[in-house]
Protein backbone atom coordinates (compact mmCIF):
# COMPACT_ATOMS: atom_id res chain seq x y z
CA MET A 1 154.20 7.64 147.79
CA SER A 2 151.26 5.87 146.32
CA ARG A 3 151.45 2.40 144.96
CA LYS A 4 150.24 1.66 141.49
CA ARG A 5 147.34 -0.67 141.29
CA HIS A 6 147.99 -3.69 139.16
CA GLU A 7 145.11 -4.95 137.02
CA PRO A 8 144.63 -8.68 137.02
CA HIS A 9 145.79 -10.32 133.72
CA GLU A 10 143.01 -11.12 131.30
CA GLU A 11 142.88 -14.83 130.63
CA HIS A 12 142.96 -15.98 126.90
CA PRO A 13 140.69 -18.81 125.81
CA ASP A 14 142.37 -22.14 124.85
CA GLU A 15 142.64 -22.21 121.01
CA SER A 16 144.79 -25.33 120.66
CA TRP A 17 141.79 -27.16 119.16
CA LEU A 18 142.20 -25.06 115.99
CA LEU A 19 145.27 -27.03 114.88
CA PRO A 20 143.66 -30.49 114.63
CA TYR A 21 140.53 -28.82 113.27
CA SER A 22 142.47 -27.17 110.43
CA ASP A 23 144.24 -30.46 109.70
CA LEU A 24 140.89 -32.23 109.59
CA MET A 25 139.46 -29.64 107.21
CA THR A 26 142.51 -29.95 104.98
CA LEU A 27 142.20 -33.73 104.86
CA LEU A 28 138.48 -33.50 104.12
CA LEU A 29 139.20 -31.05 101.33
CA ALA A 30 141.79 -33.41 99.94
CA LEU A 31 139.35 -36.32 100.18
CA PHE A 32 136.64 -34.44 98.28
CA ILE A 33 139.12 -33.41 95.60
CA VAL A 34 140.24 -37.02 95.20
CA LEU A 35 136.64 -38.24 95.03
CA PHE A 36 135.83 -35.59 92.46
CA ALA A 37 138.86 -36.51 90.41
CA ALA A 38 138.02 -40.21 90.65
CA SER A 39 134.62 -39.54 89.11
CA SER A 40 136.30 -38.00 86.05
CA VAL A 41 137.46 -40.06 83.06
CA ASN A 42 140.82 -38.33 83.00
CA THR A 43 142.87 -40.78 85.04
CA SER A 44 146.15 -39.05 84.24
CA LYS A 45 145.06 -36.00 86.26
CA LEU A 46 144.06 -38.28 89.14
CA GLU A 47 147.52 -39.83 89.17
CA GLU A 48 149.17 -36.42 89.11
CA MET A 49 147.01 -35.18 91.98
CA SER A 50 147.61 -38.35 93.97
CA ARG A 51 151.36 -37.96 93.64
CA ALA A 52 151.08 -34.30 94.65
CA PHE A 53 149.00 -35.14 97.76
CA LYS A 54 151.35 -37.96 98.68
CA THR A 55 154.29 -35.59 98.54
CA ALA A 56 152.44 -32.95 100.55
CA PHE A 57 151.15 -35.17 103.34
CA SER A 58 153.73 -38.00 103.36
CA SER A 59 151.33 -39.95 105.55
CA GLY A 60 152.16 -43.49 104.46
CA ILE A 61 150.51 -45.77 101.94
CA GLY A 62 146.83 -45.26 101.35
CA ILE A 63 144.45 -44.25 98.63
CA LEU A 64 146.74 -41.40 97.64
CA ASP A 65 149.58 -43.85 96.92
CA LYS A 66 147.73 -45.37 93.98
CA GLY A 67 149.52 -43.05 91.56
CA ALA A 68 152.93 -44.03 92.93
CA LEU A 69 152.08 -47.70 92.66
CA THR A 70 150.85 -47.21 89.11
CA GLU A 71 154.06 -45.38 88.24
CA ASP A 72 156.12 -48.24 89.68
CA ASN A 73 154.14 -50.77 87.66
CA GLN A 74 154.64 -48.74 84.49
CA LEU A 75 158.38 -48.56 85.15
CA LYS A 76 158.55 -52.32 85.66
CA ARG A 77 156.56 -52.89 82.48
CA ARG A 78 158.82 -50.58 80.47
CA THR A 79 161.89 -52.33 81.83
CA ALA A 80 160.46 -55.71 80.85
CA GLU A 81 159.63 -54.39 77.39
CA ASP A 82 163.18 -53.09 76.96
CA LEU A 83 164.57 -56.50 77.91
CA ASP A 84 162.21 -58.18 75.46
CA ARG A 85 163.34 -55.84 72.69
CA LYS A 86 166.99 -56.67 73.43
CA ASP A 87 166.21 -60.37 73.30
CA ASP A 88 164.30 -59.87 70.07
CA GLY A 89 167.34 -58.06 68.66
CA LYS A 90 169.54 -61.04 69.47
CA LYS A 91 167.03 -63.44 67.97
CA SER A 92 166.66 -61.34 64.83
CA ARG A 93 170.42 -61.25 64.30
CA LYS A 94 170.59 -64.99 64.86
CA THR A 95 167.79 -65.46 62.36
CA LEU A 96 169.60 -63.28 59.83
CA GLU A 97 172.80 -65.26 60.33
CA LEU A 98 170.93 -68.51 59.67
CA GLU A 99 169.27 -67.07 56.59
CA GLU A 100 172.62 -65.86 55.27
CA GLN A 101 174.16 -69.28 55.85
CA GLN A 102 171.28 -70.88 53.98
CA ASN A 103 171.60 -68.43 51.08
CA LEU A 104 175.34 -68.95 50.71
CA GLU A 105 174.95 -72.73 50.89
CA GLU A 106 172.28 -72.61 48.18
CA LEU A 107 174.52 -70.40 46.00
CA GLN A 108 177.45 -72.76 46.51
CA GLN A 109 175.28 -75.73 45.51
CA GLN A 110 174.22 -73.96 42.32
CA LEU A 111 177.83 -73.14 41.48
CA ASP A 112 178.98 -76.70 42.16
CA LYS A 113 176.21 -78.11 39.97
CA TYR A 114 177.19 -75.74 37.15
CA ILE A 115 180.86 -76.66 37.53
CA GLN A 116 180.07 -80.38 37.42
CA LYS A 117 177.64 -80.06 34.52
CA SER A 118 180.08 -77.97 32.47
CA GLY A 119 183.05 -80.25 33.18
CA LEU A 120 185.02 -77.48 34.90
CA SER A 121 186.00 -79.34 38.06
CA THR A 122 189.71 -78.89 37.34
CA GLN A 123 189.32 -75.18 36.65
CA LEU A 124 186.84 -73.94 39.25
CA GLU A 125 186.20 -74.66 42.89
CA THR A 126 184.17 -73.13 45.73
CA ASN A 127 184.84 -72.83 49.44
CA LEU A 128 182.43 -71.55 52.10
CA ASN A 129 184.06 -70.39 55.33
CA GLN A 130 183.32 -68.09 58.26
CA SER A 131 183.93 -64.89 56.33
CA GLU A 132 183.01 -65.53 52.69
CA LEU A 133 181.96 -67.79 49.86
CA LEU A 134 185.09 -68.01 47.71
CA ILE A 135 185.02 -68.92 44.01
CA THR A 136 188.46 -69.74 42.61
CA ILE A 137 188.91 -69.75 38.81
CA ARG A 138 192.15 -70.89 37.20
CA ASP A 139 193.56 -68.42 34.70
CA ASN A 140 193.54 -70.93 31.81
CA ALA A 141 189.73 -71.07 32.10
CA LEU A 142 189.53 -67.34 31.36
CA PHE A 143 192.63 -65.87 29.72
CA PRO A 144 195.23 -66.71 27.13
CA SER A 145 198.77 -66.90 28.48
CA GLY A 146 200.13 -63.46 29.39
CA SER A 147 196.86 -61.72 28.48
CA ALA A 148 194.04 -60.06 30.42
CA ASN A 149 191.44 -60.41 27.63
CA ILE A 150 188.79 -62.95 28.57
CA LYS A 151 188.36 -65.72 26.04
CA GLN A 152 185.19 -65.51 24.00
CA GLU A 153 184.09 -68.97 25.08
CA SER A 154 184.84 -68.12 28.72
CA GLN A 155 182.47 -65.16 28.86
CA LYS A 156 179.65 -67.69 29.24
CA LEU A 157 181.21 -68.74 32.55
CA ALA A 158 181.37 -65.17 33.86
CA THR A 159 177.79 -64.57 32.70
CA ALA A 160 176.53 -67.70 34.50
CA ILE A 161 178.26 -66.70 37.74
CA GLY A 162 176.86 -63.16 37.48
CA GLN A 163 173.32 -64.45 36.97
CA MET A 164 173.62 -66.71 40.01
CA LEU A 165 174.91 -63.82 42.10
CA HIS A 166 171.89 -61.79 40.99
CA GLN A 167 169.62 -64.20 42.89
CA TYR A 168 171.29 -63.20 46.18
CA PRO A 169 171.56 -59.39 46.18
CA GLY A 170 173.03 -57.14 48.86
CA TYR A 171 176.38 -58.88 49.34
CA GLU A 172 179.69 -57.10 48.89
CA ILE A 173 181.79 -58.85 46.26
CA LEU A 174 185.55 -58.62 45.93
CA VAL A 175 187.33 -59.78 42.76
CA THR A 176 191.07 -60.40 43.13
CA GLY A 177 193.73 -61.24 40.55
CA HIS A 178 196.76 -63.48 41.21
CA THR A 179 199.75 -64.60 39.12
CA ASP A 180 202.74 -66.89 39.53
CA ASN A 181 206.24 -65.54 40.12
CA GLN A 182 207.35 -65.67 36.51
CA PRO A 183 208.32 -62.11 35.56
CA ILE A 184 206.51 -60.28 32.80
CA ASN A 185 207.67 -57.08 31.15
CA THR A 186 205.62 -55.87 28.21
CA ALA A 187 204.34 -52.51 27.04
CA GLU A 188 200.89 -53.36 28.47
CA PHE A 189 202.04 -55.16 31.62
CA PRO A 190 205.34 -53.95 33.09
CA SER A 191 204.92 -56.40 35.99
CA ASN A 192 202.61 -59.04 37.44
CA TRP A 193 200.85 -56.31 39.40
CA GLU A 194 199.39 -54.82 36.24
CA LEU A 195 198.52 -58.21 34.79
CA SER A 196 196.67 -59.44 37.88
CA SER A 197 194.91 -56.08 38.28
CA LYS A 198 193.68 -55.98 34.67
CA ARG A 199 192.43 -59.55 34.83
CA ALA A 200 190.44 -58.86 37.99
CA VAL A 201 188.88 -55.70 36.54
CA ASN A 202 187.97 -57.34 33.23
CA PHE A 203 186.29 -60.29 34.92
CA MET A 204 184.43 -57.94 37.29
CA LYS A 205 183.10 -55.93 34.33
CA ILE A 206 181.54 -59.03 32.79
CA LEU A 207 179.93 -60.02 36.09
CA LEU A 208 178.36 -56.57 36.31
CA LYS A 209 177.33 -56.43 32.66
CA TYR A 210 175.52 -59.74 32.43
CA GLY A 211 174.50 -60.22 36.05
CA ASN A 212 172.60 -56.92 36.38
CA LEU A 213 174.31 -56.37 39.73
CA ASP A 214 174.86 -53.26 41.87
CA PRO A 215 178.30 -51.76 41.04
CA LYS A 216 178.62 -50.03 44.43
CA LEU A 217 178.93 -53.46 46.08
CA PHE A 218 181.85 -54.50 43.84
CA SER A 219 185.56 -53.88 44.17
CA SER A 220 188.69 -55.39 42.68
CA THR A 221 192.29 -55.68 43.77
CA ALA A 222 195.54 -57.21 42.60
CA TYR A 223 197.96 -59.36 44.58
CA GLY A 224 200.34 -60.26 41.76
CA GLU A 225 202.57 -63.15 42.75
CA TYR A 226 202.52 -62.46 46.49
CA ARG A 227 199.68 -64.69 47.70
CA PRO A 228 200.44 -68.09 46.18
CA LEU A 229 198.40 -71.21 46.95
CA GLU A 230 201.19 -73.61 46.04
CA SER A 231 204.92 -73.47 45.55
CA ASN A 232 206.08 -71.68 42.44
CA LEU A 233 208.90 -74.20 42.01
CA THR A 234 206.74 -76.55 39.90
CA ASP A 235 204.57 -76.09 36.82
CA ALA A 236 201.55 -77.51 38.69
CA GLY A 237 202.07 -75.10 41.57
CA ARG A 238 202.43 -72.10 39.28
CA ALA A 239 199.27 -73.12 37.40
CA LYS A 240 197.27 -73.10 40.65
CA ASN A 241 198.69 -69.73 41.64
CA ARG A 242 197.50 -68.08 38.42
CA ARG A 243 193.86 -67.42 39.24
CA VAL A 244 190.98 -65.01 39.73
CA GLU A 245 189.03 -65.20 42.99
CA VAL A 246 185.50 -63.95 43.57
CA SER A 247 184.68 -63.43 47.26
CA ILE A 248 181.04 -63.06 48.34
CA LEU A 249 181.55 -61.47 51.75
CA ARG A 250 179.30 -62.33 54.68
CA LYS A 251 177.26 -59.54 56.25
CA TYR A 252 177.23 -61.16 59.68
CA VAL A 253 180.64 -62.24 60.93
CA GLU A 254 181.15 -63.39 64.51
CA PRO A 255 183.71 -61.21 66.32
CA ALA A 256 186.97 -62.83 67.28
CA THR A 257 187.01 -64.29 70.79
CA ASP A 258 189.29 -62.96 73.50
CA GLY A 259 191.27 -66.17 73.34
CA ALA A 260 191.85 -65.81 69.64
CA ASN A 261 192.85 -62.18 70.10
CA GLN A 262 195.27 -63.19 72.83
CA ILE A 263 196.85 -65.83 70.59
CA THR A 264 197.21 -63.27 67.79
CA LEU A 265 198.79 -60.71 70.11
CA THR A 266 201.15 -63.33 71.52
CA ALA A 267 202.21 -64.39 68.05
CA MET A 268 202.83 -60.77 67.06
CA ALA A 269 204.90 -60.21 70.19
CA ASP A 270 206.96 -63.34 69.51
CA GLU A 271 207.54 -62.23 65.94
CA GLY A 272 208.66 -58.82 67.15
CA ASN A 273 211.10 -60.41 69.62
CA LYS A 274 212.59 -62.55 66.85
CA GLN A 275 213.19 -59.50 64.75
């Protein structure tokens, strides 16, 4: 039996050098592409290519990381700009609050001067608080007893107030009517509700007519005898309770603090327990 002759194995040349060579060629290609892109005016494409190469090679920080660094800087700048805009928003609101306070103080001064000049100190008064500028007008300065028709001589007062309000547009204005607790029962006014409502509406109409004001900012309501300023047991108290109030409402009102809310909730809870 013959033995088969085995041919010696053919040796293969060492081709391991191809791997670093191909890597070197790839890097050189990338370098030339970057240099070509850098010579172009279109920097946005350069940044996009740099980010792409950085992702592909992930070889640490180098020239290809410029796009990433630029992106980080842009993010930081946008964040700073957002913070600045928020601060500007706070400042602008604060500025508007100060301007509103100044406007309402000026309007109150004009009203007080008119009241003093016209000798109406016992019939009109103003009060500026955190929510409104309140003008209180006694009923005898405007209406005959038991009537909602404004006196002819009193229309000058309503006209003057309307003209002053015209100098400070944009504020919501609420006109409210109030009476004492003396009952009324006529064909025109079955109760104090109707009387106080009609008085508020009639006074509001004159403000709008002679003040050239925006009707959509006006509203009226009636409280009848149920929001007195003084006791209805005396003539003086009842006289103060019969009134028309004009409220110029603030646009910027500070929200109630948590402490104030807690006090209110506690008071409501106590009231509920008593009941």
